[in-house]
Amino acid sequence: PYKVHSDAGHANEISIGGTLYTGGVTAAVPTLLNVF
């Protein structure tokens, strides 16, 4: 078994079908999303 979190402190687990990120992105600039 394993879990996936959106924060280094492991307080925000991403459930199955859950959201890692909601927000804006800038044209042609990579938006990097950390997962743990």
PDB file of all heavy atoms in Angstrom:
ATOM      1  N   PRO A   1       0.829  -1.210   0.000  1.00  0.00           N
ATOM      2  CA  PRO A   1       0.000   0.000   0.000  1.00  0.00           C
ATOM      3  C   PRO A   1       0.864   1.260   0.000  1.00  0.00           C
ATOM      4  O   PRO A   1       1.987   1.256   0.509  1.00  0.00           O
ATOM      5  CB  PRO A   1      -0.794  -0.113   1.300  1.00  0.00           C
ATOM      6  CG  PRO A   1       0.096  -0.904   2.200  1.00  0.00           C
ATOM      7  CD  PRO A   1       0.826  -1.868   1.314  1.00  0.00           C
ATOM      8  N   TYR A   2       0.324   2.322  -0.577  1.00  0.00           N
ATOM      9  CA  TYR A   2       1.013   3.614  -0.535  1.00  0.00           C
ATOM     10  C   TYR A   2      -0.006   4.741  -0.620  1.00  0.00           C
ATOM     11  O   TYR A   2      -1.139   4.539  -1.032  1.00  0.00           O
ATOM     12  CB  TYR A   2       2.054   3.726  -1.661  1.00  0.00           C
ATOM     13  CG  TYR A   2       1.481   3.810  -3.045  1.00  0.00           C
ATOM     14  CD1 TYR A   2       1.299   5.034  -3.675  1.00  0.00           C
ATOM     15  CD2 TYR A   2       1.115   2.652  -3.745  1.00  0.00           C
ATOM     16  CE1 TYR A   2       0.772   5.116  -4.954  1.00  0.00           C
ATOM     17  CE2 TYR A   2       0.586   2.723  -5.018  1.00  0.00           C
ATOM     18  CZ  TYR A   2       0.410   3.957  -5.618  1.00  0.00           C
ATOM     19  OH  TYR A   2      -0.116   4.030  -6.885  1.00  0.00           O
ATOM     20  N   LYS A   3       0.440   5.908  -0.214  1.00  0.00           N
ATOM     21  CA  LYS A   3      -0.386   7.117  -0.257  1.00  0.00           C
ATOM     22  C   LYS A   3       0.340   8.166  -1.087  1.00  0.00           C
ATOM     23  O   LYS A   3       1.563   8.132  -1.213  1.00  0.00           O
ATOM     24  CB  LYS A   3      -0.616   7.666   1.154  1.00  0.00           C
ATOM     25  CG  LYS A   3      -1.339   6.705   2.069  1.00  0.00           C
ATOM     26  CD  LYS A   3      -1.436   7.278   3.477  1.00  0.00           C
ATOM     27  CE  LYS A   3      -2.111   6.290   4.408  1.00  0.00           C
ATOM     28  NZ  LYS A   3      -2.248   6.831   5.767  1.00  0.00           N
ATOM     29  N   VAL A   4      -0.429   9.130  -1.596  1.00  0.00           N
ATOM     30  CA  VAL A   4       0.148  10.258  -2.316  1.00  0.00           C
ATOM     31  C   VAL A   4      -0.357  11.532  -1.644  1.00  0.00           C
ATOM     32  O   VAL A   4      -1.553  11.666  -1.367  1.00  0.00           O
ATOM     33  CB  VAL A   4      -0.239  10.252  -3.808  1.00  0.00           C
ATOM     34  CG1 VAL A   4       0.351  11.455  -4.531  1.00  0.00           C
ATOM     35  CG2 VAL A   4       0.215   8.952  -4.470  1.00  0.00           C
ATOM     36  N   HIS A   5       0.579  12.452  -1.374  1.00  0.00           N
ATOM     37  CA  HIS A   5       0.252  13.716  -0.708  1.00  0.00           C
ATOM     38  C   HIS A   5       0.674  14.887  -1.596  1.00  0.00           C
ATOM     39  O   HIS A   5       1.578  14.767  -2.419  1.00  0.00           O
ATOM     40  CB  HIS A   5       0.995  13.822   0.629  1.00  0.00           C
ATOM     41  CG  HIS A   5       0.656  12.722   1.578  1.00  0.00           C
ATOM     42  ND1 HIS A   5      -0.397  12.784   2.437  1.00  0.00           N
ATOM     43  CD2 HIS A   5       1.246  11.517   1.788  1.00  0.00           C
ATOM     44  CE1 HIS A   5      -0.455  11.677   3.153  1.00  0.00           C
ATOM     45  NE2 HIS A   5       0.533  10.888   2.778  1.00  0.00           N
ATOM     46  N   SER A   6       0.035  16.025  -1.374  1.00  0.00           N
ATOM     47  CA  SER A   6       0.390  17.235  -2.126  1.00  0.00           C
ATOM     48  C   SER A   6       1.344  18.131  -1.348  1.00  0.00           C
ATOM     49  O   SER A   6       1.754  19.174  -1.856  1.00  0.00           O
ATOM     50  CB  SER A   6      -0.874  18.032  -2.485  1.00  0.00           C
ATOM     51  OG  SER A   6      -1.556  18.419  -1.309  1.00  0.00           O
ATOM     52  N   ASP A   7       1.718  17.723  -0.136  1.00  0.00           N
ATOM     53  CA  ASP A   7       2.600  18.553   0.690  1.00  0.00           C
ATOM     54  C   ASP A   7       3.670  17.694   1.355  1.00  0.00           C
ATOM     55  O   ASP A   7       3.466  16.505   1.622  1.00  0.00           O
ATOM     56  CB  ASP A   7       1.799  19.305   1.752  1.00  0.00           C
ATOM     57  CG  ASP A   7       1.125  18.363   2.733  1.00  0.00           C
ATOM     58  OD1 ASP A   7       0.494  17.379   2.290  1.00  0.00           O
ATOM     59  OD2 ASP A   7       1.260  18.582   3.940  1.00  0.00           O
ATOM     60  N   ALA A   8       4.812  18.299   1.621  1.00  0.00           N
ATOM     61  CA  ALA A   8       5.937  17.584   2.223  1.00  0.00           C
ATOM     62  C   ALA A   8       5.642  17.127   3.640  1.00  0.00           C
ATOM     63  O   ALA A   8       6.218  16.155   4.119  1.00  0.00           O
ATOM     64  CB  ALA A   8       7.189  18.466   2.202  1.00  0.00           C
ATOM     65  N   GLY A   9       4.737  17.807   4.327  1.00  0.00           N
ATOM     66  CA  GLY A   9       4.376  17.427   5.686  1.00  0.00           C
ATOM     67  C   GLY A   9       3.374  16.287   5.744  1.00  0.00           C
ATOM     68  O   GLY A   9       3.017  15.819   6.822  1.00  0.00           O
ATOM     69  N   HIS A  10       2.915  15.815   4.609  1.00  0.00           N
ATOM     70  CA  HIS A  10       1.970  14.704   4.481  1.00  0.00           C
ATOM     71  C   HIS A  10       0.649  14.945   5.198  1.00  0.00           C
ATOM     72  O   HIS A  10       0.016  14.022   5.702  1.00  0.00           O
ATOM     73  CB  HIS A  10       2.614  13.382   4.927  1.00  0.00           C
ATOM     74  CG  HIS A  10       3.795  13.036   4.088  1.00  0.00           C
ATOM     75  ND1 HIS A  10       5.059  13.421   4.433  1.00  0.00           N
ATOM     76  CD2 HIS A  10       3.889  12.405   2.897  1.00  0.00           C
ATOM     77  CE1 HIS A  10       5.895  13.004   3.486  1.00  0.00           C
ATOM     78  NE2 HIS A  10       5.208  12.385   2.553  1.00  0.00           N
ATOM     79  N   ALA A  11       0.215  16.195   5.241  1.00  0.00           N
ATOM     80  CA  ALA A  11      -1.063  16.535   5.866  1.00  0.00           C
ATOM     81  C   ALA A  11      -2.212  16.452   4.859  1.00  0.00           C
ATOM     82  O   ALA A  11      -3.359  16.287   5.254  1.00  0.00           O
ATOM     83  CB  ALA A  11      -1.002  17.938   6.458  1.00  0.00           C
ATOM     84  N   ASN A  12      -1.901  16.557   3.554  1.00  0.00           N
ATOM     85  CA  ASN A  12      -2.951  16.603   2.528  1.00  0.00           C
ATOM     86  C   ASN A  12      -2.850  15.408   1.587  1.00  0.00           C
ATOM     87  O   ASN A  12      -2.234  15.478   0.528  1.00  0.00           O
ATOM     88  CB  ASN A  12      -2.848  17.903   1.728  1.00  0.00           C
ATOM     89  CG  ASN A  12      -3.026  19.114   2.606  1.00  0.00           C
ATOM     90  OD1 ASN A  12      -3.964  19.190   3.380  1.00  0.00           O
ATOM     91  ND2 ASN A  12      -2.105  20.056   2.507  1.00  0.00           N
ATOM     92  N   GLU A  13      -3.469  14.308   1.990  1.00  0.00           N
ATOM     93  CA  GLU A  13      -3.469  13.117   1.140  1.00  0.00           C
ATOM     94  C   GLU A  13      -4.397  13.341  -0.049  1.00  0.00           C
ATOM     95  O   GLU A  13      -5.484  13.910   0.086  1.00  0.00           O
ATOM     96  CB  GLU A  13      -3.929  11.894   1.915  1.00  0.00           C
ATOM     97  CG  GLU A  13      -3.894  10.630   1.083  1.00  0.00           C
ATOM     98  CD  GLU A  13      -4.284   9.371   1.847  1.00  0.00           C
ATOM     99  OE1 GLU A  13      -4.471   9.444   3.076  1.00  0.00           O
ATOM    100  OE2 GLU A  13      -4.411   8.322   1.191  1.00  0.00           O
ATOM    101  N   ILE A  14      -3.970  12.882  -1.222  1.00  0.00           N
ATOM    102  CA  ILE A  14      -4.787  12.974  -2.425  1.00  0.00           C
ATOM    103  C   ILE A  14      -5.524  11.642  -2.554  1.00  0.00           C
ATOM    104  O   ILE A  14      -4.917  10.603  -2.801  1.00  0.00           O
ATOM    105  CB  ILE A  14      -3.923  13.247  -3.671  1.00  0.00           C
ATOM    106  CG1 ILE A  14      -3.130  14.535  -3.477  1.00  0.00           C
ATOM    107  CG2 ILE A  14      -4.804  13.338  -4.910  1.00  0.00           C
ATOM    108  CD1 ILE A  14      -2.022  14.717  -4.476  1.00  0.00           C
ATOM    109  N   SER A  15      -6.817  11.686  -2.374  1.00  0.00           N
ATOM    110  CA  SER A  15      -7.624  10.473  -2.440  1.00  0.00           C
ATOM    111  C   SER A  15      -7.693   9.960  -3.872  1.00  0.00           C
ATOM    112  O   SER A  15      -7.317  10.660  -4.821  1.00  0.00           O
ATOM    113  CB  SER A  15      -9.035  10.756  -1.909  1.00  0.00           C
ATOM    114  OG  SER A  15      -9.657  11.723  -2.733  1.00  0.00           O
ATOM    115  N   ILE A  16      -8.181   8.751  -4.030  1.00  0.00           N
ATOM    116  CA  ILE A  16      -8.361   8.185  -5.368  1.00  0.00           C
ATOM    117  C   ILE A  16      -9.362   9.054  -6.118  1.00  0.00           C
ATOM    118  O   ILE A  16     -10.461   9.317  -5.638  1.00  0.00           O
ATOM    119  CB  ILE A  16      -8.840   6.727  -5.275  1.00  0.00           C
ATOM    120  CG1 ILE A  16      -7.694   5.873  -4.702  1.00  0.00           C
ATOM    121  CG2 ILE A  16      -9.300   6.213  -6.634  1.00  0.00           C
ATOM    122  CD1 ILE A  16      -8.044   4.440  -4.445  1.00  0.00           C
ATOM    123  N   GLY A  17      -8.964   9.544  -7.279  1.00  0.00           N
ATOM    124  CA  GLY A  17      -9.775  10.467  -8.060  1.00  0.00           C
ATOM    125  C   GLY A  17      -9.722  11.889  -7.533  1.00  0.00           C
ATOM    126  O   GLY A  17     -10.408  12.767  -8.041  1.00  0.00           O
ATOM    127  N   GLY A  18      -8.875  12.115  -6.519  1.00  0.00           N
ATOM    128  CA  GLY A  18      -8.778  13.426  -5.888  1.00  0.00           C
ATOM    129  C   GLY A  18      -7.929  14.408  -6.667  1.00  0.00           C
ATOM    130  O   GLY A  18      -7.236  14.075  -7.623  1.00  0.00           O
ATOM    131  N   THR A  19      -7.976  15.656  -6.225  1.00  0.00           N
ATOM    132  CA  THR A  19      -7.318  16.764  -6.911  1.00  0.00           C
ATOM    133  C   THR A  19      -5.944  17.064  -6.319  1.00  0.00           C
ATOM    134  O   THR A  19      -5.813  17.262  -5.115  1.00  0.00           O
ATOM    135  CB  THR A  19      -8.202  18.025  -6.817  1.00  0.00           C
ATOM    136  OG1 THR A  19      -9.451  17.735  -7.436  1.00  0.00           O
ATOM    137  CG2 THR A  19      -7.561  19.197  -7.513  1.00  0.00           C
ATOM    138  N   LEU A  20      -4.950  17.083  -7.180  1.00  0.00           N
ATOM    139  CA  LEU A  20      -3.602  17.499  -6.808  1.00  0.00           C
ATOM    140  C   LEU A  20      -3.487  19.016  -6.879  1.00  0.00           C
ATOM    141  O   LEU A  20      -2.850  19.645  -6.038  1.00  0.00           O
ATOM    142  CB  LEU A  20      -2.564  16.853  -7.739  1.00  0.00           C
ATOM    143  CG  LEU A  20      -1.142  17.391  -7.677  1.00  0.00           C
ATOM    144  CD1 LEU A  20      -0.541  17.158  -6.293  1.00  0.00           C
ATOM    145  CD2 LEU A  20      -0.279  16.756  -8.751  1.00  0.00           C
ATOM    146  N   TYR A  21      -4.119  19.625  -7.891  1.00  0.00           N
ATOM    147  CA  TYR A  21      -3.955  21.069  -8.103  1.00  0.00           C
ATOM    148  C   TYR A  21      -5.181  21.649  -8.785  1.00  0.00           C
ATOM    149  O   TYR A  21      -5.731  21.044  -9.707  1.00  0.00           O
ATOM    150  CB  TYR A  21      -2.724  21.318  -8.982  1.00  0.00           C
ATOM    151  CG  TYR A  21      -2.482  22.764  -9.352  1.00  0.00           C
ATOM    152  CD1 TYR A  21      -1.925  23.638  -8.436  1.00  0.00           C
ATOM    153  CD2 TYR A  21      -2.810  23.244 -10.615  1.00  0.00           C
ATOM    154  CE1 TYR A  21      -1.693  24.979  -8.771  1.00  0.00           C
ATOM    155  CE2 TYR A  21      -2.575  24.571 -10.957  1.00  0.00           C
ATOM    156  CZ  TYR A  21      -2.024  25.428 -10.036  1.00  0.00           C
ATOM    157  OH  TYR A  21      -1.802  26.742 -10.365  1.00  0.00           O
ATOM    158  N   THR A  22      -5.582  22.809  -8.340  1.00  0.00           N
ATOM    159  CA  THR A  22      -6.564  23.637  -9.033  1.00  0.00           C
ATOM    160  C   THR A  22      -6.030  25.055  -8.982  1.00  0.00           C
ATOM    161  O   THR A  22      -5.714  25.559  -7.909  1.00  0.00           O
ATOM    162  CB  THR A  22      -7.949  23.589  -8.356  1.00  0.00           C
ATOM    163  OG1 THR A  22      -8.435  22.254  -8.418  1.00  0.00           O
ATOM    164  CG2 THR A  22      -8.936  24.500  -9.057  1.00  0.00           C
ATOM    165  N   GLY A  23      -5.888  25.676 -10.133  1.00  0.00           N
ATOM    166  CA  GLY A  23      -5.380  27.039 -10.178  1.00  0.00           C
ATOM    167  C   GLY A  23      -5.027  27.420 -11.599  1.00  0.00           C
ATOM    168  O   GLY A  23      -5.316  26.686 -12.539  1.00  0.00           O
ATOM    169  N   GLY A  24      -4.376  28.547 -11.741  1.00  0.00           N
ATOM    170  CA  GLY A  24      -4.026  29.065 -13.050  1.00  0.00           C
ATOM    171  C   GLY A  24      -2.646  28.622 -13.506  1.00  0.00           C
ATOM    172  O   GLY A  24      -1.835  28.143 -12.717  1.00  0.00           O
ATOM    173  N   VAL A  25      -2.415  28.767 -14.806  1.00  0.00           N
ATOM    174  CA  VAL A  25      -1.105  28.534 -15.406  1.00  0.00           C
ATOM    175  C   VAL A  25      -0.812  29.680 -16.366  1.00  0.00           C
ATOM    176  O   VAL A  25      -1.726  30.249 -16.964  1.00  0.00           O
ATOM    177  CB  VAL A  25      -1.008  27.174 -16.134  1.00  0.00           C
ATOM    178  CG1 VAL A  25      -1.137  26.018 -15.166  1.00  0.00           C
ATOM    179  CG2 VAL A  25      -2.031  27.048 -17.236  1.00  0.00           C
ATOM    180  N   THR A  26       0.454  30.015 -16.509  1.00  0.00           N
ATOM    181  CA  THR A  26       0.902  31.077 -17.403  1.00  0.00           C
ATOM    182  C   THR A  26       1.369  30.457 -18.715  1.00  0.00           C
ATOM    183  O   THR A  26       2.028  29.416 -18.706  1.00  0.00           O
ATOM    184  CB  THR A  26       2.051  31.865 -16.753  1.00  0.00           C
ATOM    185  OG1 THR A  26       1.587  32.387 -15.508  1.00  0.00           O
ATOM    186  CG2 THR A  26       2.514  33.004 -17.639  1.00  0.00           C
ATOM    187  N   ALA A  27       1.041  31.098 -19.827  1.00  0.00           N
ATOM    188  CA  ALA A  27       1.400  30.584 -21.149  1.00  0.00           C
ATOM    189  C   ALA A  27       2.893  30.306 -21.252  1.00  0.00           C
ATOM    190  O   ALA A  27       3.718  31.155 -20.891  1.00  0.00           O
ATOM    191  CB  ALA A  27       0.982  31.568 -22.233  1.00  0.00           C
ATOM    192  N   ALA A  28       3.221  29.116 -21.724  1.00  0.00           N
ATOM    193  CA  ALA A  28       4.585  28.683 -22.046  1.00  0.00           C
ATOM    194  C   ALA A  28       5.530  28.618 -20.846  1.00  0.00           C
ATOM    195  O   ALA A  28       6.726  28.429 -21.021  1.00  0.00           O
ATOM    196  CB  ALA A  28       5.188  29.559 -23.141  1.00  0.00           C
ATOM    197  N   VAL A  29       5.012  28.768 -19.644  1.00  0.00           N
ATOM    198  CA  VAL A  29       5.845  28.672 -18.435  1.00  0.00           C
ATOM    199  C   VAL A  29       5.456  27.399 -17.690  1.00  0.00           C
ATOM    200  O   VAL A  29       4.291  27.238 -17.308  1.00  0.00           O
ATOM    201  CB  VAL A  29       5.642  29.897 -17.512  1.00  0.00           C
ATOM    202  CG1 VAL A  29       6.431  29.750 -16.227  1.00  0.00           C
ATOM    203  CG2 VAL A  29       6.023  31.176 -18.240  1.00  0.00           C
ATOM    204  N   PRO A  30       6.394  26.464 -17.472  1.00  0.00           N
ATOM    205  CA  PRO A  30       6.042  25.235 -16.766  1.00  0.00           C
ATOM    206  C   PRO A  30       5.521  25.516 -15.351  1.00  0.00           C
ATOM    207  O   PRO A  30       6.091  26.319 -14.616  1.00  0.00           O
ATOM    208  CB  PRO A  30       7.355  24.458 -16.707  1.00  0.00           C
ATOM    209  CG  PRO A  30       8.188  25.020 -17.809  1.00  0.00           C
ATOM    210  CD  PRO A  30       7.789  26.469 -17.911  1.00  0.00           C
ATOM    211  N   THR A  31       4.434  24.859 -15.006  1.00  0.00           N
ATOM    212  CA  THR A  31       3.913  24.873 -13.641  1.00  0.00           C
ATOM    213  C   THR A  31       4.299  23.526 -13.045  1.00  0.00           C
ATOM    214  O   THR A  31       3.857  22.485 -13.532  1.00  0.00           O
ATOM    215  CB  THR A  31       2.382  25.048 -13.626  1.00  0.00           C
ATOM    216  OG1 THR A  31       2.071  26.304 -14.235  1.00  0.00           O
ATOM    217  CG2 THR A  31       1.837  25.022 -12.209  1.00  0.00           C
ATOM    218  N   LEU A  32       5.166  23.550 -12.035  1.00  0.00           N
ATOM    219  CA  LEU A  32       5.652  22.318 -11.425  1.00  0.00           C
ATOM    220  C   LEU A  32       4.853  22.029 -10.162  1.00  0.00           C
ATOM    221  O   LEU A  32       4.728  22.883  -9.286  1.00  0.00           O
ATOM    222  CB  LEU A  32       7.142  22.438 -11.105  1.00  0.00           C
ATOM    223  CG  LEU A  32       8.047  22.722 -12.305  1.00  0.00           C
ATOM    224  CD1 LEU A  32       9.489  22.879 -11.864  1.00  0.00           C
ATOM    225  CD2 LEU A  32       7.922  21.622 -13.344  1.00  0.00           C
ATOM    226  N   LEU A  33       4.333  20.814 -10.071  1.00  0.00           N
ATOM    227  CA  LEU A  33       3.530  20.387  -8.940  1.00  0.00           C
ATOM    228  C   LEU A  33       4.255  19.278  -8.194  1.00  0.00           C
ATOM    229  O   LEU A  33       4.538  18.228  -8.769  1.00  0.00           O
ATOM    230  CB  LEU A  33       2.165  19.873  -9.427  1.00  0.00           C
ATOM    231  CG  LEU A  33       1.390  20.792 -10.365  1.00  0.00           C
ATOM    232  CD1 LEU A  33       0.154  20.093 -10.887  1.00  0.00           C
ATOM    233  CD2 LEU A  33       1.035  22.087  -9.661  1.00  0.00           C
ATOM    234  N   ASN A  34       4.547  19.517  -6.942  1.00  0.00           N
ATOM    235  CA  ASN A  34       5.210  18.502  -6.136  1.00  0.00           C
ATOM    236  C   ASN A  34       4.194  17.491  -5.637  1.00  0.00           C
ATOM    237  O   ASN A  34       3.076  17.847  -5.267  1.00  0.00           O
ATOM    238  CB  ASN A  34       5.920  19.150  -4.943  1.00  0.00           C
ATOM    239  CG  ASN A  34       7.065  20.024  -5.393  1.00  0.00           C
ATOM    240  OD1 ASN A  34       7.882  19.628  -6.217  1.00  0.00           O
ATOM    241  ND2 ASN A  34       7.131  21.230  -4.867  1.00  0.00           N
ATOM    242  N   VAL A  35       4.579  16.228  -5.633  1.00  0.00           N
ATOM    243  CA  VAL A  35       3.795  15.154  -5.034  1.00  0.00           C
ATOM    244  C   VAL A  35       4.731  14.382  -4.113  1.00  0.00           C
ATOM    245  O   VAL A  35       5.944  14.361  -4.322  1.00  0.00           O
ATOM    246  CB  VAL A  35       3.166  14.208  -6.081  1.00  0.00           C
ATOM    247  CG1 VAL A  35       2.083  14.899  -6.863  1.00  0.00           C
ATOM    248  CG2 VAL A  35       4.209  13.639  -7.011  1.00  0.00           C
ATOM    249  N   PHE A  36       4.168  13.773  -3.101  1.00  0.00           N
ATOM    250  CA  PHE A  36       4.978  13.049  -2.127  1.00  0.00           C
ATOM    251  C   PHE A  36       4.345  11.691  -1.877  1.00  0.00           C
ATOM    252  O   PHE A  36       3.172  11.609  -1.503  1.00  0.00           O
ATOM    253  CB  PHE A  36       5.082  13.848  -0.827  1.00  0.00           C
ATOM    254  CG  PHE A  36       5.696  15.201  -1.042  1.00  0.00           C
ATOM    255  CD1 PHE A  36       4.919  16.294  -1.368  1.00  0.00           C
ATOM    256  CD2 PHE A  36       7.069  15.368  -0.949  1.00  0.00           C
ATOM    257  CE1 PHE A  36       5.481  17.540  -1.594  1.00  0.00           C
ATOM    258  CE2 PHE A  36       7.647  16.606  -1.173  1.00  0.00           C
ATOM    259  CZ  PHE A  36       6.855  17.695  -1.498  1.00  0.00           C
TER     260      PHE A  36
END
